[in-house]
Protein backbone atom coordinates (compact mmCIF):
# COMPACT_ATOMS: atom_id res chain seq x y z
CA MET A 1 0.00 0.00 0.00
CA THR A 2 1.23 3.47 -0.75
CA GLU A 3 2.37 5.19 2.44
CA GLY A 4 1.51 8.76 3.27
CA LYS A 5 4.19 11.34 2.53
CA LYS A 6 6.23 12.31 5.58
CA SER A 7 6.87 15.87 6.69
CA ASN A 8 9.88 17.02 8.72
CA PHE A 9 7.87 16.23 11.83
CA GLY A 10 6.64 12.77 10.77
CA THR A 11 3.30 11.32 9.71
CA SER A 12 0.00 12.76 10.95
CA ARG A 13 -0.37 9.77 13.30
CA GLU A 14 3.09 10.41 14.80
CA LEU A 15 2.29 14.11 15.15
CA GLY A 16 -0.92 13.22 16.94
CA GLU A 17 1.00 11.09 19.45
CA GLU A 18 3.50 13.93 20.02
CA LEU A 19 0.66 16.37 20.68
CA LYS A 20 -0.75 13.96 23.26
CA LYS A 21 2.65 13.90 25.01
CA ILE A 22 2.76 17.71 25.06
CA ILE A 23 -0.71 17.90 26.63
CA LEU A 24 0.32 15.33 29.25
CA GLU A 25 3.50 17.25 30.15
CA LYS A 26 1.54 20.50 30.54
CA LYS A 27 -0.82 18.76 32.98
CA ILE A 28 2.15 17.45 34.95
CA LEU A 29 3.72 20.92 35.16
CA LYS A 30 0.49 22.43 36.50
CA THR A 31 0.33 19.67 39.10
CA ILE A 32 3.94 20.35 40.15
CA LYS A 33 3.20 24.04 40.59
CA THR A 34 0.15 23.32 42.76
CA TYR A 35 2.14 20.79 44.80
CA PHE A 36 4.93 23.20 45.73
CA GLU A 37 2.54 26.08 46.44
CA ARG A 38 0.84 23.92 49.08
CA LEU A 39 4.06 22.94 50.85
CA GLY A 40 4.61 24.49 54.32
CA ASN A 41 1.03 24.33 55.56
CA PHE A 42 0.86 24.59 59.35
CA ASP A 43 0.21 21.40 61.35
CA PRO A 44 -2.06 22.18 64.37
CA ALA A 45 -0.97 18.94 66.07
CA SER A 46 2.65 20.09 66.34
CA GLY A 47 2.27 21.45 69.90
CA ILE A 48 3.06 25.07 69.01
CA SER A 49 0.79 27.97 68.16
CA LEU A 50 0.30 29.32 64.63
CA ASN A 51 1.76 32.73 65.67
CA GLU A 52 4.87 31.09 67.14
CA TYR A 53 5.32 29.17 63.90
CA LYS A 54 4.91 32.24 61.65
CA ASN A 55 7.15 34.44 63.79
CA TYR A 56 9.96 31.87 63.75
CA LEU A 57 9.76 31.49 59.96
CA HIS A 58 9.88 35.25 59.51
CA ASP A 59 12.65 35.92 62.05
CA ASN A 60 14.95 33.23 60.69
CA GLY A 61 14.47 33.93 56.97
CA TYR A 62 12.48 30.81 56.09
CA ASN A 63 9.66 32.81 54.51
CA ALA A 64 12.11 34.49 52.17
CA LEU A 65 13.65 31.14 51.24
CA ARG A 66 10.24 29.61 50.47
CA GLU A 67 9.09 32.62 48.45
CA GLN A 68 12.28 32.62 46.39
CA PHE A 69 11.97 28.85 45.89
CA LEU A 70 8.40 29.25 44.58
CA VAL A 71 9.50 32.10 42.30
CA ASP A 72 12.23 29.86 40.84
CA ILE A 73 9.84 26.93 40.43
CA LYS A 74 7.21 29.16 38.75
CA ALA A 75 9.79 30.69 36.42
CA LYS A 76 11.03 27.27 35.34
CA ILE A 77 7.48 25.98 34.82
CA ASP A 78 6.40 29.10 32.92
CA LYS A 79 9.44 28.84 30.64
CA ARG A 80 8.71 25.20 29.86
CA MET A 81 4.99 25.92 29.34
CA GLY A 82 5.92 28.58 26.81
CA GLU A 83 8.15 26.13 24.97
CA LEU A 84 5.38 23.50 24.95
CA ASP A 85 2.79 26.00 23.68
CA LYS A 86 5.10 26.94 20.81
CA MET A 87 5.78 23.28 20.01
CA SER A 88 2.07 22.49 20.19
CA ARG A 89 1.13 25.23 17.72
CA LYS A 90 3.80 24.11 15.24
CA LYS A 91 2.90 20.45 15.47
CA ALA A 92 -0.85 21.12 15.26
CA GLN A 93 -0.34 23.14 12.07
CA SER A 94 2.03 20.52 10.68
CA LYS A 95 -0.46 17.75 11.55
CA LYS A 96 -3.22 19.57 9.68
CA GLU A 97 -1.03 20.03 6.62
CA GLN A 98 0.26 16.46 6.79
CA GLU A 99 -3.26 15.00 7.03
CA GLN A 100 -4.19 16.86 3.86
CA GLU A 101 -1.02 15.66 2.10
CA GLU A 102 -1.68 12.06 3.16
CA THR A 103 -5.30 12.28 2.03
CA ASP A 104 -4.28 13.66 -1.36
CA ALA A 105 -1.54 11.07 -1.79
CA TYR A 106 -3.83 8.26 -0.73
CA LEU A 107 -6.64 9.23 -3.07
CA GLN A 108 -4.17 9.83 -5.90
CA ALA A 109 -2.63 6.38 -5.47
CA ARG A 110 -5.82 4.45 -4.79
CA LEU A 111 -6.59 1.49 -6.99
CA GLU A 112 -9.70 2.11 -9.04
CA ILE A 113 -12.27 -0.67 -8.91
CA TYR A 114 -12.21 -0.76 -12.69
CA GLU A 115 -8.60 -1.89 -12.86
CA ASP A 116 -9.53 -4.04 -15.81
CA ALA A 117 -10.60 -1.62 -18.55
CA GLY A 118 -12.51 -4.45 -20.19
CA GLN A 119 -15.17 -4.15 -17.49
CA ILE A 120 -16.24 -0.78 -18.90
CA PRO A 121 -18.00 -0.76 -22.27
CA SER A 122 -15.69 1.12 -24.63
CA ASP A 123 -18.55 3.04 -26.23
CA VAL A 124 -19.65 4.68 -22.96
CA GLU A 125 -18.01 7.69 -21.34
CA ALA A 126 -17.73 7.87 -17.57
CA GLY A 127 -20.36 10.18 -16.11
CA ASP A 128 -22.94 9.60 -18.85
CA GLY A 129 -26.59 9.61 -17.86
CA GLY A 130 -26.07 11.77 -14.77
CA ILE A 131 -23.72 9.23 -13.15
CA GLU A 132 -20.67 10.86 -11.57
CA HIS A 133 -19.83 9.09 -8.31
CA LEU A 134 -21.23 5.60 -8.89
CA LYS A 135 -18.83 3.09 -10.42
CA GLN A 136 -20.48 -0.29 -10.16
CA ILE A 137 -22.79 -2.57 -8.25
CA LEU A 138 -20.95 -5.36 -6.48
CA LEU A 139 -23.01 -8.36 -5.40
CA ILE A 140 -21.86 -11.26 -3.26
CA PRO A 141 -24.77 -13.74 -3.59
CA SER A 142 -23.77 -15.68 -0.47
CA TRP A 143 -21.36 -14.27 2.11
CA GLY A 144 -21.06 -17.63 3.85
CA LYS A 145 -20.32 -19.47 0.60
CA LEU A 146 -17.62 -16.94 -0.31
CA LEU A 147 -15.96 -17.35 3.09
CA GLY A 148 -16.41 -21.11 3.03
CA THR A 149 -17.90 -21.12 6.52
CA GLY A 150 -19.79 -24.33 5.74
CA PRO A 151 -22.75 -25.12 7.99
CA PHE A 152 -22.27 -22.06 10.28
CA ASN A 153 -25.64 -20.32 10.70
CA GLY A 154 -24.96 -18.30 13.84
CA PHE A 155 -27.38 -16.99 16.44
CA TYR A 156 -30.24 -14.49 16.62
CA LEU A 157 -31.77 -13.26 19.90
CA ASN A 158 -29.72 -15.94 21.69
CA GLN A 159 -31.32 -18.69 19.60
CA PRO A 160 -29.46 -20.88 17.12
CA VAL A 161 -30.39 -20.15 13.51
CA TYR A 162 -32.12 -23.13 11.94
CA GLU A 163 -31.54 -22.22 8.29
CA ILE A 164 -30.14 -19.34 6.21
CA ILE A 165 -32.12 -18.57 3.06
CA HIS A 166 -30.24 -15.49 1.84
CA ASP A 167 -26.99 -13.90 3.06
CA ASN A 168 -26.39 -11.31 0.35
CA VAL A 169 -23.95 -8.43 0.26
CA ILE A 170 -24.76 -5.56 -2.13
CA PHE A 171 -22.12 -2.85 -2.24
CA LEU A 172 -21.56 0.40 -4.14
CA PRO A 173 -17.77 0.73 -4.02
CA ASP A 174 -15.94 4.03 -4.14
CA PHE A 175 -12.38 2.76 -4.25
CA ALA A 176 -10.28 -0.28 -3.49
CA VAL A 177 -6.85 -0.39 -1.89
CA THR A 178 -4.54 -3.30 -1.22
CA GLY A 179 -2.27 -3.85 1.74
CA PHE A 180 -0.36 -6.54 3.58
CA GLU A 181 -1.40 -8.18 6.83
CA GLU A 182 1.35 -7.68 9.41
CA THR A 183 1.85 -11.14 10.92
CA LYS A 184 2.46 -13.15 7.74
CA GLY A 185 2.60 -10.47 5.07
CA GLU A 186 -0.39 -11.84 3.17
CA PRO A 187 -2.12 -9.33 0.84
CA PHE A 188 -5.69 -8.17 1.40
CA ILE A 189 -8.11 -5.78 -0.29
CA PHE A 190 -10.26 -3.09 1.34
CA LEU A 191 -13.29 -1.69 -0.47
CA SER A 192 -14.84 1.56 0.73
CA GLY A 193 -18.36 2.62 -0.17
CA VAL A 194 -22.04 2.09 0.63
CA GLY A 195 -23.57 -1.32 1.17
CA VAL A 196 -25.80 -3.69 3.04
CA TYR A 197 -25.45 -7.17 4.52
CA TYR A 198 -28.94 -8.60 3.92
CA ILE A 199 -30.07 -11.81 5.59
CA GLN A 200 -33.19 -14.00 5.47
CA PHE A 201 -33.30 -16.99 7.79
CA ARG A 202 -35.38 -19.29 9.96
CA LEU A 203 -35.21 -20.03 13.68
CA SER A 204 -37.62 -22.91 13.12
CA PRO A 205 -39.18 -24.57 10.06
CA GLY A 206 -41.83 -22.51 8.32
CA GLU A 207 -41.03 -18.97 9.51
CA ILE A 208 -38.88 -16.40 7.68
CA ILE A 209 -37.05 -13.58 9.46
CA THR A 210 -35.43 -10.69 7.58
CA ASP A 211 -32.58 -8.60 8.97
CA TYR A 212 -29.79 -6.40 7.62
CA ARG A 213 -26.78 -4.31 8.63
CA GLU A 214 -25.53 -1.24 6.80
CA ILE A 215 -21.80 -1.29 5.98
CA SER A 216 -19.29 1.26 4.69
CA GLY A 217 -16.49 -1.15 3.88
CA VAL A 218 -15.57 -4.73 3.00
CA VAL A 219 -12.25 -6.45 3.75
CA LEU A 220 -11.18 -9.72 2.15
CA PRO A 221 -7.92 -11.65 1.87
CA MET A 222 -6.66 -11.11 -1.65
CA ASP A 223 -6.70 -14.82 -2.50
CA MET A 224 -10.38 -14.96 -1.49
CA TYR A 225 -11.18 -11.91 -3.62
CA ASP A 226 -9.34 -13.44 -6.57
CA LYS A 227 -11.17 -16.73 -6.03
CA ALA A 228 -14.51 -14.92 -6.21
CA GLN A 229 -13.58 -13.22 -9.48
CA THR A 230 -12.19 -16.36 -11.11
CA ALA A 231 -14.90 -18.77 -9.98
CA GLU A 232 -17.09 -20.49 -12.55
CA SER A 233 -18.53 -17.82 -14.83
CA LEU A 234 -22.29 -17.60 -15.29
CA VAL A 235 -22.24 -15.32 -18.33
CA SER A 236 -20.19 -14.98 -21.49
CA SER A 237 -19.48 -11.26 -21.64
CA LYS A 238 -16.50 -8.95 -21.31
CA ASP A 239 -18.78 -6.15 -20.09
CA LEU A 240 -19.61 -7.53 -16.67
CA LEU A 241 -18.23 -10.09 -14.25
CA MET A 242 -20.69 -12.73 -13.07
CA THR A 243 -19.43 -15.80 -11.24
CA GLU A 244 -21.14 -18.00 -8.70
CA LEU A 245 -19.38 -16.06 -5.91
CA MET A 246 -19.36 -12.44 -7.13
CA THR A 247 -20.98 -10.15 -9.68
CA THR A 248 -19.90 -6.63 -10.68
CA ILE A 249 -22.15 -4.50 -12.91
CA PRO A 250 -20.69 -1.20 -14.17
CA PHE A 251 -23.20 1.65 -14.15
CA ALA A 252 -21.76 2.60 -17.53
CA LEU A 253 -23.39 -0.53 -18.90
CA PHE A 254 -26.82 1.09 -18.57
CA GLN A 255 -25.88 3.50 -21.37
CA ALA A 256 -24.39 0.85 -23.68
CA LYS A 257 -25.74 0.24 -27.19
CA GLN A 258 -29.14 -1.40 -27.34
CA THR A 259 -27.76 -4.40 -29.24
CA LYS A 260 -25.47 -5.11 -26.33
CA GLN A 261 -28.17 -4.47 -23.75
CA MET A 262 -30.73 -6.90 -25.12
CA TYR A 263 -28.76 -9.95 -24.04
CA LEU A 264 -27.24 -8.54 -20.83
CA ARG A 265 -30.51 -7.03 -19.55
CA GLY A 266 -32.09 -10.48 -19.53
CA VAL A 267 -29.06 -12.04 -17.85
CA VAL A 268 -28.94 -9.40 -15.09
CA ALA A 269 -32.71 -9.51 -14.54
CA ARG A 270 -32.85 -13.31 -14.23
CA ASN A 271 -29.69 -13.84 -12.21
CA ILE A 272 -29.27 -10.65 -10.17
CA PHE A 273 -32.12 -8.19 -9.91
CA HIS A 274 -35.16 -10.40 -9.42
CA PRO A 275 -33.55 -13.02 -7.10
CA TYR A 276 -32.11 -10.27 -4.87
CA ARG A 277 -34.69 -7.54 -5.34
CA GLU A 278 -35.48 -7.29 -1.62
CA ALA A 279 -31.80 -6.68 -0.87
CA PHE A 280 -31.72 -3.95 -3.54
CA THR A 281 -34.82 -2.38 -2.00
CA GLN A 282 -33.13 -2.31 1.41
CA LEU A 283 -30.05 -0.66 -0.10
CA VAL A 284 -32.23 2.07 -1.64
CA LYS A 285 -33.93 2.71 1.70
CA LEU A 286 -30.53 2.97 3.34
CA CYS A 287 -29.38 5.48 0.72
CA MET A 288 -32.52 7.58 1.21
CA ASP A 289 -32.01 7.71 4.98
CA PRO A 290 -30.04 10.87 5.86
CA ASP A 291 -28.91 9.31 9.15
CA SER A 292 -27.45 6.12 7.66
CA LEU A 293 -23.67 5.63 7.45
CA SER A 294 -22.93 9.00 9.05
CA GLU A 295 -19.44 10.08 10.08
CA THR A 296 -20.51 10.26 13.73
CA GLN A 297 -21.27 6.52 13.65
CA GLY A 298 -17.82 5.74 12.26
CA LEU A 299 -16.84 3.11 9.74
CA LYS A 300 -18.66 -0.23 9.71
CA VAL A 301 -16.57 -2.84 7.91
CA LEU A 302 -17.74 -6.32 6.95
CA SER A 303 -14.62 -8.39 7.46
CA GLY A 304 -13.72 -11.64 5.78
CA GLY A 305 -10.37 -11.40 7.55
CA LEU A 306 -6.95 -10.18 6.44
CA ASN A 307 -5.39 -13.61 6.19
CA ALA A 308 -7.13 -16.81 5.13
CA ASP A 309 -4.89 -18.87 7.43
CA ILE A 310 -5.55 -16.76 10.54
CA PRO A 311 -9.29 -16.70 11.35
CA ILE A 312 -9.17 -13.67 13.68
CA TYR A 313 -11.76 -10.99 12.74
CA THR A 314 -13.15 -13.30 10.06
CA ASN A 315 -16.89 -13.18 9.34
CA GLU A 316 -17.48 -10.17 11.57
CA ILE A 317 -18.60 -6.57 11.30
CA LEU A 318 -15.94 -4.35 12.86
CA THR A 319 -16.95 -0.82 13.86
CA GLU A 320 -14.98 2.19 15.06
CA ILE A 321 -17.22 2.91 18.04
CA GLN A 322 -19.80 1.08 20.09
CA GLN A 323 -23.04 1.01 18.11
CA PRO A 324 -26.63 1.09 19.43
CA MET A 325 -28.07 -2.26 20.49
CA GLU A 326 -30.20 -2.46 17.34
CA TYR A 327 -27.04 -2.56 15.23
CA SER A 328 -24.63 -4.45 17.50
CA ARG A 329 -27.11 -7.23 18.25
CA LEU A 330 -25.78 -10.40 16.65
CA THR A 331 -27.61 -11.55 13.53
CA ALA A 332 -27.65 -14.71 11.44
CA GLY A 333 -24.56 -15.75 9.52
CA LEU A 334 -22.11 -13.51 11.41
CA LYS A 335 -19.81 -14.56 14.23
CA ASN A 336 -19.61 -11.13 15.84
CA ILE A 337 -20.35 -7.40 15.60
CA GLN A 338 -17.89 -5.49 17.75
CA PRO A 339 -16.17 -2.07 18.00
CA LYS A 340 -12.68 -3.36 17.19
CA LEU A 341 -11.91 -1.79 13.83
CA ASP A 342 -8.94 -0.15 15.55
CA LYS A 343 -7.34 -3.60 15.76
CA ILE A 344 -6.92 -3.70 11.98
CA VAL A 345 -7.00 -0.01 11.08
CA THR A 346 -3.18 0.06 11.09
CA ASP A 347 -3.18 -2.63 8.44
CA LEU A 348 -5.85 -0.78 6.46
CA GLN A 349 -3.90 2.51 6.69
CA ILE A 350 -7.04 4.63 6.48
CA ASP A 351 -6.55 6.57 9.71
CA GLY A 352 -6.84 10.29 8.97
CA LEU A 353 -8.75 9.71 5.72
CA LYS A 354 -12.21 9.16 7.12
CA LYS A 355 -13.48 12.68 6.41
CA ALA A 356 -12.84 12.19 2.69
CA ILE A 357 -14.39 8.70 2.83
CA PHE A 358 -17.62 9.90 4.44
CA GLU A 359 -17.93 12.87 2.09
CA LYS A 360 -17.88 10.41 -0.82
CA ILE A 361 -20.31 8.06 0.95
CA ALA A 362 -22.87 10.89 1.18
CA LEU A 363 -22.50 11.59 -2.55
CA ILE A 364 -22.86 7.91 -3.46
CA LYS A 365 -26.00 7.55 -1.33
CA LYS A 366 -27.66 10.56 -2.95
CA GLU A 367 -26.70 9.59 -6.50
CA PHE A 368 -27.84 5.97 -6.18
CA ALA A 369 -31.21 6.93 -4.71
CA GLU A 370 -31.89 9.71 -7.21
CA VAL A 371 -30.18 8.48 -10.40
CA GLY A 372 -28.52 5.08 -10.19
CA TYR A 373 -31.39 2.94 -8.96
CA PRO A 374 -34.00 4.56 -11.23
CA GLN A 375 -31.68 3.86 -14.17
CA LEU A 376 -31.36 0.25 -13.06
CA LEU A 377 -35.15 -0.08 -12.90
CA ASP A 378 -35.56 1.50 -16.34
CA TRP A 379 -32.90 -0.82 -17.73
CA MET A 380 -34.63 -3.96 -16.48
CA PRO A 381 -36.75 -5.74 -19.17
């Protein structure tokens, strides 16, 4: 993964740590000052009177010694506080500039989802039809099948799940970046964007329960991502990828020539839109909700793990902060939903870039609800 450019002071993360140390030292200095100012308090249990005590201090020069000592202590503390204030201002300004540099460098070096130019119809320009921020629809028909979790159904409301009917992931990716997991150096891919983990299941025969979780990112080991793209193909076309494990539909396809659309429209309708229409409907509702996937809620990443050989943080949703019970309550097909994104955020190297990520998420939500989804509906036969 491309690393952020370093300033003379270091990366924005290092600058942040240095600012924390400055704040801590300033607190310590204030405590020292208060400590020495309180020294010399009279002890009533000493057996002498307060006047006798004060007179002796005055007559023998102890008051002058204490006052001079406090003056020296204060002068030393004030000098150091001034130095720290100056350092703090410089580092805060440098941190702000460095964060912007790292954001620019990161976005400049990001790997576009359409790395393979063959996925985009050559006769369609990007941005046609009012599409500016939407790149493609990514569908994982079965999250469990992709991960190879076998018979794992999970729990819901403390009850074992009897059967999973659907465990779909529909995602509108903004960008993809690759990195390397620290322990074994295995590559992984992180997709940022707008999506939903949509689940239909049974706790007992006959009933059907529907649940979902909104997500703003997906992490997969690179070999798993490659496996999904190279699995058995379900369609013969260079214009979209459709395997049994993953489908990607470029929005540019909706403006392709009619001769090309006639065949692909039927394929997408039969294999993607109609079988997973309820999941698409949930994604539209999410995009229309102004409170969904907000920056205050932090990132919510569906994790297939960083390393296929190390199952930690595999088949979980990892969040930045503790979510409300409605979101953090365990649902079918997932092993956990927990606020531990910080455990892998170093590997993801997205710290300091979240403002840019959430700005793009808001644009994607608006464009899909107002333009992208209506175009998909119009395109369906």
